[in-house]
Amino acid sequence: VFRTEGRDICFAREEKWLVYDNSLSEVKEFDSWEKVLEEYSRSSFCPQIIFFERIDPVSEAAGTEVTV
């Protein structure tokens, strides 16, 4: 979650990159990280909360994910 210019913006990745902007009250979909950068690279982001997922490499190789 980032704050910029009075807006809160949240980036998430499922099959596509999802970006929620509270000033627009909508979720935008992007096919690639490069497209996200094109849209938001000129903003001055200030991270507020960072979430991440750790994928166990052994489970990933076996085709199952383990999140912590």
N, C-alpha and C. Protein backbone atom coordinates (compact mmCIF):
# COMPACT_ATOMS: atom_id res chain seq x y z
N VAL A 1 0.87 -1.17 0.00
CA VAL A 1 0.00 0.00 0.00
C VAL A 1 0.91 1.23 0.00
N PHE A 2 0.62 2.13 -0.89
CA PHE A 2 1.42 3.34 -1.04
C PHE A 2 0.53 4.56 -0.87
N ARG A 3 1.13 5.64 -0.41
CA ARG A 3 0.43 6.92 -0.34
C ARG A 3 1.19 7.88 -1.24
N THR A 4 0.43 8.55 -2.08
CA THR A 4 1.02 9.56 -2.95
C THR A 4 -0.02 10.63 -3.23
N GLU A 5 0.37 11.86 -3.11
CA GLU A 5 -0.48 12.99 -3.45
C GLU A 5 -1.88 12.86 -2.84
N GLY A 6 -1.96 12.40 -1.57
CA GLY A 6 -3.23 12.26 -0.90
C GLY A 6 -4.05 11.05 -1.30
N ARG A 7 -3.47 10.18 -2.11
CA ARG A 7 -4.17 8.97 -2.57
C ARG A 7 -3.52 7.74 -1.96
N ASP A 8 -4.32 6.72 -1.69
CA ASP A 8 -3.80 5.42 -1.28
C ASP A 8 -3.92 4.48 -2.46
N ILE A 9 -2.82 3.81 -2.78
CA ILE A 9 -2.78 2.91 -3.93
C ILE A 9 -2.24 1.57 -3.47
N CYS A 10 -2.92 0.51 -3.85
CA CYS A 10 -2.52 -0.83 -3.46
C CYS A 10 -2.23 -1.66 -4.71
N PHE A 11 -1.07 -2.31 -4.73
CA PHE A 11 -0.68 -3.18 -5.84
C PHE A 11 -0.77 -4.63 -5.38
N ALA A 12 -1.33 -5.49 -6.20
CA ALA A 12 -1.42 -6.92 -5.88
C ALA A 12 -1.25 -7.71 -7.17
N ARG A 13 -0.76 -8.93 -7.03
CA ARG A 13 -0.54 -9.78 -8.21
C ARG A 13 -1.30 -11.07 -8.04
N GLU A 14 -2.17 -11.34 -8.98
CA GLU A 14 -2.79 -12.66 -9.10
C GLU A 14 -2.35 -13.15 -10.47
N GLU A 15 -3.25 -13.39 -11.39
CA GLU A 15 -2.82 -13.72 -12.75
C GLU A 15 -2.37 -12.46 -13.48
N LYS A 16 -2.94 -11.33 -13.10
CA LYS A 16 -2.56 -10.02 -13.63
C LYS A 16 -2.22 -9.13 -12.45
N TRP A 17 -1.59 -7.99 -12.73
CA TRP A 17 -1.36 -7.00 -11.69
C TRP A 17 -2.65 -6.24 -11.48
N LEU A 18 -3.07 -6.11 -10.22
CA LEU A 18 -4.26 -5.37 -9.86
C LEU A 18 -3.83 -4.15 -9.07
N VAL A 19 -4.39 -3.00 -9.42
CA VAL A 19 -4.05 -1.76 -8.74
C VAL A 19 -5.35 -1.09 -8.31
N TYR A 20 -5.48 -0.91 -6.98
CA TYR A 20 -6.64 -0.21 -6.44
C TYR A 20 -6.22 1.19 -6.04
N ASP A 21 -6.94 2.17 -6.54
CA ASP A 21 -6.68 3.58 -6.24
C ASP A 21 -7.92 4.12 -5.54
N ASN A 22 -7.78 4.50 -4.25
CA ASN A 22 -8.97 4.93 -3.50
C ASN A 22 -9.58 6.21 -4.05
N SER A 23 -8.82 7.02 -4.76
CA SER A 23 -9.39 8.25 -5.31
C SER A 23 -10.32 7.96 -6.47
N LEU A 24 -10.15 6.83 -7.12
CA LEU A 24 -11.00 6.43 -8.25
C LEU A 24 -12.04 5.39 -7.83
N SER A 25 -11.83 4.76 -6.66
CA SER A 25 -12.69 3.69 -6.16
C SER A 25 -12.88 2.59 -7.20
N GLU A 26 -11.77 2.21 -7.83
CA GLU A 26 -11.84 1.13 -8.82
C GLU A 26 -10.54 0.34 -8.83
N VAL A 27 -10.61 -0.85 -9.38
CA VAL A 27 -9.44 -1.70 -9.54
C VAL A 27 -9.09 -1.73 -11.02
N LYS A 28 -7.84 -1.40 -11.33
CA LYS A 28 -7.35 -1.48 -12.70
C LYS A 28 -6.56 -2.77 -12.86
N GLU A 29 -6.64 -3.39 -14.02
CA GLU A 29 -5.87 -4.59 -14.30
C GLU A 29 -4.77 -4.28 -15.31
N PHE A 30 -3.59 -4.85 -15.07
CA PHE A 30 -2.45 -4.67 -15.96
C PHE A 30 -1.87 -6.05 -16.28
N ASP A 31 -1.50 -6.26 -17.52
CA ASP A 31 -0.96 -7.55 -17.96
C ASP A 31 0.47 -7.79 -17.48
N SER A 32 1.22 -6.72 -17.22
CA SER A 32 2.63 -6.89 -16.84
C SER A 32 3.05 -5.78 -15.89
N TRP A 33 4.15 -6.03 -15.18
CA TRP A 33 4.71 -5.02 -14.28
C TRP A 33 5.16 -3.80 -15.07
N GLU A 34 5.64 -4.02 -16.29
CA GLU A 34 6.07 -2.91 -17.13
C GLU A 34 4.92 -1.94 -17.41
N LYS A 35 3.72 -2.48 -17.61
CA LYS A 35 2.55 -1.62 -17.84
C LYS A 35 2.20 -0.82 -16.59
N VAL A 36 2.35 -1.44 -15.42
CA VAL A 36 2.12 -0.73 -14.16
C VAL A 36 3.11 0.42 -14.04
N LEU A 37 4.38 0.15 -14.34
CA LEU A 37 5.40 1.20 -14.27
C LEU A 37 5.10 2.34 -15.23
N GLU A 38 4.64 2.02 -16.42
CA GLU A 38 4.28 3.08 -17.38
C GLU A 38 3.22 4.00 -16.80
N GLU A 39 2.25 3.43 -16.12
CA GLU A 39 1.13 4.20 -15.57
C GLU A 39 1.52 5.01 -14.33
N TYR A 40 2.37 4.45 -13.46
CA TYR A 40 2.59 5.06 -12.14
C TYR A 40 4.02 5.52 -11.88
N SER A 41 4.93 5.39 -12.82
CA SER A 41 6.34 5.72 -12.55
C SER A 41 6.58 7.20 -12.25
N ARG A 42 5.71 8.07 -12.67
CA ARG A 42 5.91 9.51 -12.43
C ARG A 42 5.38 9.96 -11.07
N SER A 43 4.69 9.07 -10.36
CA SER A 43 4.16 9.40 -9.04
C SER A 43 5.26 9.27 -8.00
N SER A 44 5.14 10.02 -6.94
CA SER A 44 6.12 9.93 -5.85
C SER A 44 5.53 9.09 -4.72
N PHE A 45 5.73 7.78 -4.82
CA PHE A 45 5.16 6.85 -3.85
C PHE A 45 5.91 6.88 -2.54
N CYS A 46 5.17 6.68 -1.47
CA CYS A 46 5.75 6.53 -0.14
C CYS A 46 5.12 5.29 0.47
N PRO A 47 5.87 4.17 0.56
CA PRO A 47 5.27 2.93 1.08
C PRO A 47 4.75 3.10 2.50
N GLN A 48 3.55 2.59 2.75
CA GLN A 48 2.94 2.63 4.08
C GLN A 48 2.93 1.24 4.70
N ILE A 49 2.53 0.23 3.92
CA ILE A 49 2.47 -1.16 4.37
C ILE A 49 2.97 -2.03 3.23
N ILE A 50 3.83 -2.98 3.56
CA ILE A 50 4.33 -3.91 2.54
C ILE A 50 4.02 -5.33 2.99
N PHE A 51 3.27 -6.06 2.17
CA PHE A 51 2.99 -7.47 2.41
C PHE A 51 3.77 -8.26 1.38
N PHE A 52 4.16 -9.45 1.73
CA PHE A 52 4.81 -10.30 0.74
C PHE A 52 4.48 -11.75 1.04
N GLU A 53 4.68 -12.59 0.06
CA GLU A 53 4.43 -14.02 0.19
C GLU A 53 5.72 -14.76 -0.05
N ARG A 54 6.03 -15.68 0.83
CA ARG A 54 7.21 -16.52 0.65
C ARG A 54 6.74 -17.87 0.12
N ILE A 55 7.29 -18.28 -0.99
CA ILE A 55 6.94 -19.57 -1.58
C ILE A 55 8.09 -20.52 -1.33
N ASP A 56 7.80 -21.64 -0.70
CA ASP A 56 8.80 -22.65 -0.40
C ASP A 56 9.29 -23.26 -1.70
N PRO A 57 10.60 -23.15 -2.05
CA PRO A 57 11.11 -23.66 -3.33
C PRO A 57 10.87 -25.16 -3.52
N VAL A 58 10.90 -25.93 -2.44
CA VAL A 58 10.66 -27.38 -2.56
C VAL A 58 9.21 -27.62 -2.94
N SER A 59 8.29 -26.92 -2.29
CA SER A 59 6.87 -27.07 -2.61
C SER A 59 6.57 -26.55 -4.00
N GLU A 60 7.23 -25.46 -4.39
CA GLU A 60 7.01 -24.88 -5.71
C GLU A 60 7.41 -25.88 -6.79
N ALA A 61 8.52 -26.56 -6.60
CA ALA A 61 8.97 -27.55 -7.57
C ALA A 61 7.99 -28.71 -7.65
N ALA A 62 7.33 -29.01 -6.54
CA ALA A 62 6.37 -30.11 -6.50
C ALA A 62 4.98 -29.67 -7.00
N GLY A 63 4.81 -28.36 -7.23
CA GLY A 63 3.55 -27.85 -7.74
C GLY A 63 2.56 -27.42 -6.66
N THR A 64 3.01 -27.32 -5.41
CA THR A 64 2.15 -26.82 -4.34
C THR A 64 2.81 -25.62 -3.70
N GLU A 65 1.99 -24.69 -3.23
CA GLU A 65 2.53 -23.49 -2.59
C GLU A 65 2.32 -23.58 -1.09
N VAL A 66 3.29 -23.09 -0.36
CA VAL A 66 3.18 -22.98 1.09
C VAL A 66 3.44 -21.53 1.42
N THR A 67 2.46 -20.86 2.04
CA THR A 67 2.65 -19.45 2.40
C THR A 67 2.85 -19.36 3.90
N VAL A 68 3.61 -18.34 4.29
CA VAL A 68 3.91 -18.12 5.70
C VAL A 68 3.31 -16.81 6.12
